[in-house]
């Protein structure tokens, strides 16, 4: 990727285990070579790794700053305080609906933005602000993974609860760590093997909040 004089937005999107974080960190390291002043932020709800760095499944790391998921406007003050010209946003889908406005403000201030996140949730629905960010993007990298069932190309994130497909009315955000929990796990699946269970409410079971 060549840096351009005009502030741009590059969005990296894909399903679970598609290498989004690795690609984001790769681009940030390239930016360092180009002498960019960089700020990497991620939502505080993502507690899979210590707050001071983002880490991919391949163990690549980069210093990061946690930001409340409901307050992406805090990114603006951080960018000003640290005098950066490139802002990386990890797990963009977890931030609230103000994120696109924040990104546009960053660009208007002359800063470049690279955002990565899940484009769809566990039920295959557009996730958070990602659809709007993709629409605003100057450049898009859409990544896929490998289906754990058949080995074909995977574009969906499968959530399993106790080894069974999550229900359509299950909570949207449940963070899964690198060490898979015994109850809640996530997998990459192709469309054919992606499963979503019927609503728990329809079966007389109340979903957890």
Protein backbone atom coordinates (compact mmCIF):
# COMPACT_ATOMS: atom_id res chain seq x y z
CA UNK A 1 0.00 0.00 0.00
CA UNK A 2 1.41 3.41 -0.98
CA UNK A 3 0.70 6.38 1.26
CA UNK A 4 -1.17 9.22 -0.41
CA UNK A 5 -1.14 12.89 0.47
CA UNK A 6 -4.92 13.00 0.92
CA UNK A 7 -6.30 11.49 4.16
CA UNK A 8 -7.72 8.06 3.38
CA UNK A 9 -9.67 5.31 5.10
CA UNK A 10 -8.58 1.70 4.66
CA UNK A 11 -10.99 -0.90 6.09
CA UNK A 12 -9.91 -4.49 6.74
CA UNK A 13 -12.89 -6.81 7.16
CA UNK A 14 -13.65 -10.52 7.36
CA UNK A 15 -14.81 -13.36 9.57
CA UNK A 16 -13.21 -14.82 12.67
CA UNK A 17 -9.65 -16.18 12.15
CA UNK A 18 -9.23 -14.49 8.76
CA UNK A 19 -6.06 -12.61 9.74
CA UNK A 20 -7.53 -9.11 10.18
CA UNK A 21 -5.30 -8.17 13.12
CA UNK A 22 -2.18 -9.53 11.42
CA UNK A 23 -2.94 -7.42 8.35
CA UNK A 24 -3.60 -4.31 10.43
CA UNK A 25 -0.35 -4.71 12.34
CA UNK A 26 1.56 -5.36 9.12
CA UNK A 27 0.31 -2.09 7.68
CA UNK A 28 1.16 -0.21 10.86
CA UNK A 29 4.71 -1.52 10.74
CA UNK A 30 4.99 -0.39 7.11
CA UNK A 31 3.74 3.00 8.23
CA UNK A 32 6.50 3.15 10.84
CA UNK A 33 9.07 2.71 8.07
CA UNK A 34 7.43 5.66 6.30
CA UNK A 35 7.97 7.69 9.51
CA UNK A 36 4.26 7.93 10.33
CA UNK A 37 3.27 8.88 13.87
CA UNK A 38 0.84 6.13 14.84
CA UNK A 39 -1.93 5.61 17.38
CA UNK A 40 -3.60 2.19 17.64
CA UNK A 41 -6.83 2.02 19.63
CA UNK A 42 -9.24 -0.77 20.47
CA UNK A 43 -12.48 -0.97 22.47
CA UNK A 44 -12.08 -1.68 26.16
CA UNK A 45 -14.61 -4.52 25.87
CA UNK A 46 -11.92 -6.54 24.06
CA UNK A 47 -9.97 -7.88 27.03
CA UNK A 48 -8.41 -10.92 25.35
CA UNK A 49 -4.94 -9.43 25.77
CA UNK A 50 -3.46 -6.86 28.19
CA UNK A 51 -4.67 -3.32 27.54
CA UNK A 52 -1.25 -2.03 26.51
CA UNK A 53 -1.03 -4.00 23.26
CA UNK A 54 -3.09 -5.67 20.54
CA UNK A 55 -2.11 -9.24 19.71
CA UNK A 56 -3.03 -11.46 16.77
CA UNK A 57 -3.48 -15.21 16.86
CA UNK A 58 -0.02 -15.53 15.33
CA UNK A 59 1.29 -13.66 18.41
CA UNK A 60 2.16 -10.47 16.53
CA UNK A 61 1.89 -7.50 18.88
CA UNK A 62 1.64 -3.72 18.66
CA UNK A 63 1.20 -1.08 21.41
CA UNK A 64 -2.45 -0.04 21.75
CA UNK A 65 -4.68 2.20 23.84
CA UNK A 66 -8.09 0.99 25.11
CA UNK A 67 -11.06 3.30 24.47
CA UNK A 68 -14.59 2.91 25.93
CA UNK A 69 -16.70 1.24 23.23
CA UNK A 70 -19.46 3.76 23.75
CA UNK A 71 -17.13 6.76 23.49
CA UNK A 72 -15.20 6.59 20.21
CA UNK A 73 -15.04 10.42 20.29
CA UNK A 74 -12.20 9.90 22.79
CA UNK A 75 -10.08 8.82 19.83
CA UNK A 76 -10.09 12.43 18.59
CA UNK A 77 -8.50 13.83 21.74
CA UNK A 78 -5.96 11.00 21.84
CA UNK A 79 -4.95 11.71 18.25
CA UNK A 80 -4.49 15.41 19.04
CA UNK A 81 -2.64 14.85 22.31
CA UNK A 82 -0.15 12.43 20.75
CA UNK A 83 0.18 14.43 17.53
CA UNK A 84 -0.30 11.40 15.28
CA UNK A 85 -0.99 11.33 11.57
CA UNK A 86 -2.26 7.74 11.31
CA UNK A 87 -4.89 6.12 13.53
CA UNK A 88 -5.39 2.35 13.60
CA UNK A 89 -8.71 1.04 14.95
CA UNK A 90 -8.88 -2.60 16.00
CA UNK A 91 -12.20 -4.47 16.49
CA UNK A 92 -14.10 -1.54 15.01
CA UNK A 93 -17.41 -3.45 15.11
CA UNK A 94 -17.59 -3.07 18.89
CA UNK A 95 -17.63 0.74 18.89
CA UNK A 96 -20.99 2.52 18.87
CA UNK A 97 -22.64 4.30 15.95
CA UNK A 98 -20.55 7.46 16.40
CA UNK A 99 -17.43 5.76 15.03
CA UNK A 100 -18.02 6.71 11.35
CA UNK A 101 -18.39 10.37 12.34
CA UNK A 102 -15.18 10.15 14.37
CA UNK A 103 -13.36 8.58 11.42
CA UNK A 104 -14.56 11.33 9.08
CA UNK A 105 -13.40 13.98 11.58
CA UNK A 106 -9.98 12.33 11.74
CA UNK A 107 -9.74 12.47 7.96
CA UNK A 108 -10.85 16.08 7.85
CA UNK A 109 -8.05 16.89 10.30
CA UNK A 110 -5.54 15.40 7.86
CA UNK A 111 -5.10 12.01 9.51
CA UNK A 112 -5.13 8.63 7.79
CA UNK A 113 -7.23 5.80 9.30
CA UNK A 114 -6.94 2.01 9.09
CA UNK A 115 -9.86 0.16 10.71
CA UNK A 116 -10.30 -3.59 11.07
CA UNK A 117 -13.27 -5.63 12.23
CA UNK A 118 -15.85 -8.32 11.67
CA UNK A 119 -18.16 -7.35 8.83
CA UNK A 120 -20.92 -9.70 10.06
CA UNK A 121 -21.89 -11.05 13.47
CA UNK A 122 -22.40 -14.67 14.54
CA UNK A 123 -25.82 -14.72 12.85
CA UNK A 124 -24.51 -13.34 9.56
CA UNK A 125 -25.98 -9.85 10.14
CA UNK A 126 -24.07 -6.61 9.37
CA UNK A 127 -22.06 -5.84 12.50
CA UNK A 128 -22.11 -2.44 14.20
CA UNK A 129 -20.63 0.46 12.23
CA UNK A 130 -18.70 -1.79 9.85
CA UNK A 131 -21.18 -1.44 6.92
CA UNK A 132 -20.94 2.36 7.06
CA UNK A 133 -17.16 2.27 7.36
CA UNK A 134 -16.98 -0.01 4.33
CA UNK A 135 -19.16 2.43 2.39
CA UNK A 136 -16.87 5.35 3.35
CA UNK A 137 -13.62 3.48 2.67
CA UNK A 138 -11.11 4.53 0.03
CA UNK A 139 -9.60 1.04 0.16
CA UNK A 140 -11.04 -2.28 1.36
CA UNK A 141 -9.24 -5.52 2.19
CA UNK A 142 -11.80 -8.32 2.54
CA UNK A 143 -10.28 -11.43 4.10
CA UNK A 144 -11.56 -14.99 4.36
CA UNK A 145 -10.57 -17.95 6.51
CA UNK A 146 -10.76 -21.75 6.24
CA UNK A 147 -13.93 -23.57 7.26
CA UNK A 148 -13.18 -25.87 10.19
CA UNK A 149 -15.79 -28.35 8.94
CA UNK A 150 -14.92 -28.86 5.28
CA UNK A 151 -11.71 -26.93 4.61
CA UNK A 152 -13.27 -24.65 2.00
CA UNK A 153 -13.22 -20.85 2.07
CA UNK A 154 -14.93 -19.46 5.17
CA UNK A 155 -16.68 -16.09 5.31
CA UNK A 156 -18.88 -16.56 8.40
CA UNK A 157 -18.24 -16.52 12.13
CA UNK A 158 -19.77 -19.49 13.94
CA UNK A 159 -20.60 -19.10 17.62
CA UNK A 160 -21.00 -22.28 19.63
CA UNK A 161 -22.49 -22.43 23.12
CA UNK A 162 -21.72 -25.69 24.87
CA UNK A 163 -20.74 -27.12 21.50
CA UNK A 164 -24.06 -26.17 19.85
CA UNK A 165 -24.89 -23.28 17.48
CA UNK A 166 -25.84 -20.07 19.29
CA UNK A 167 -29.45 -18.91 19.08
CA UNK A 168 -30.48 -15.96 16.95
CA UNK A 169 -31.53 -14.01 20.08
CA UNK A 170 -28.35 -14.68 22.07
CA UNK A 171 -26.33 -11.63 23.21
CA UNK A 172 -24.49 -9.96 20.34
CA UNK A 173 -21.20 -9.29 22.08
CA UNK A 174 -19.37 -12.05 23.94
CA UNK A 175 -15.59 -11.81 23.72
CA UNK A 176 -13.76 -15.10 23.12
CA UNK A 177 -10.13 -15.42 24.15
CA UNK A 178 -7.26 -17.28 22.54
CA UNK A 179 -7.68 -20.09 25.05
CA UNK A 180 -11.13 -21.32 24.05
CA UNK A 181 -13.57 -21.26 26.99
CA UNK A 182 -15.50 -24.40 27.81
CA UNK A 183 -18.92 -22.85 27.15
CA UNK A 184 -18.51 -20.22 24.41
CA UNK A 185 -16.33 -20.75 21.34
CA UNK A 186 -16.00 -19.26 17.86
CA UNK A 187 -15.04 -20.85 14.55
CA UNK A 188 -14.67 -19.86 10.93
CA UNK A 189 -17.30 -21.54 8.74
CA UNK A 190 -18.33 -21.50 5.09
CA UNK A 191 -21.89 -20.46 4.27
CA UNK A 192 -23.00 -24.10 3.90
CA UNK A 193 -21.79 -25.07 7.39
CA UNK A 194 -22.68 -21.86 9.20
CA UNK A 195 -25.54 -22.54 11.65
CA UNK A 196 -27.77 -20.33 13.78
CA UNK A 197 -30.24 -21.92 16.20
CA UNK A 198 -33.88 -20.73 16.53
CA UNK A 199 -34.62 -18.06 19.10
CA UNK A 200 -34.44 -19.25 22.68
CA UNK A 201 -37.59 -17.27 23.49
CA UNK A 202 -39.47 -19.36 20.93
CA UNK A 203 -38.32 -22.47 22.77
CA UNK A 204 -39.28 -21.14 26.20
CA UNK A 205 -35.69 -20.37 27.17
CA UNK A 206 -34.67 -16.85 28.23
CA UNK A 207 -31.36 -15.62 26.75
CA UNK A 208 -28.77 -14.12 29.10
CA UNK A 209 -28.31 -10.34 28.92
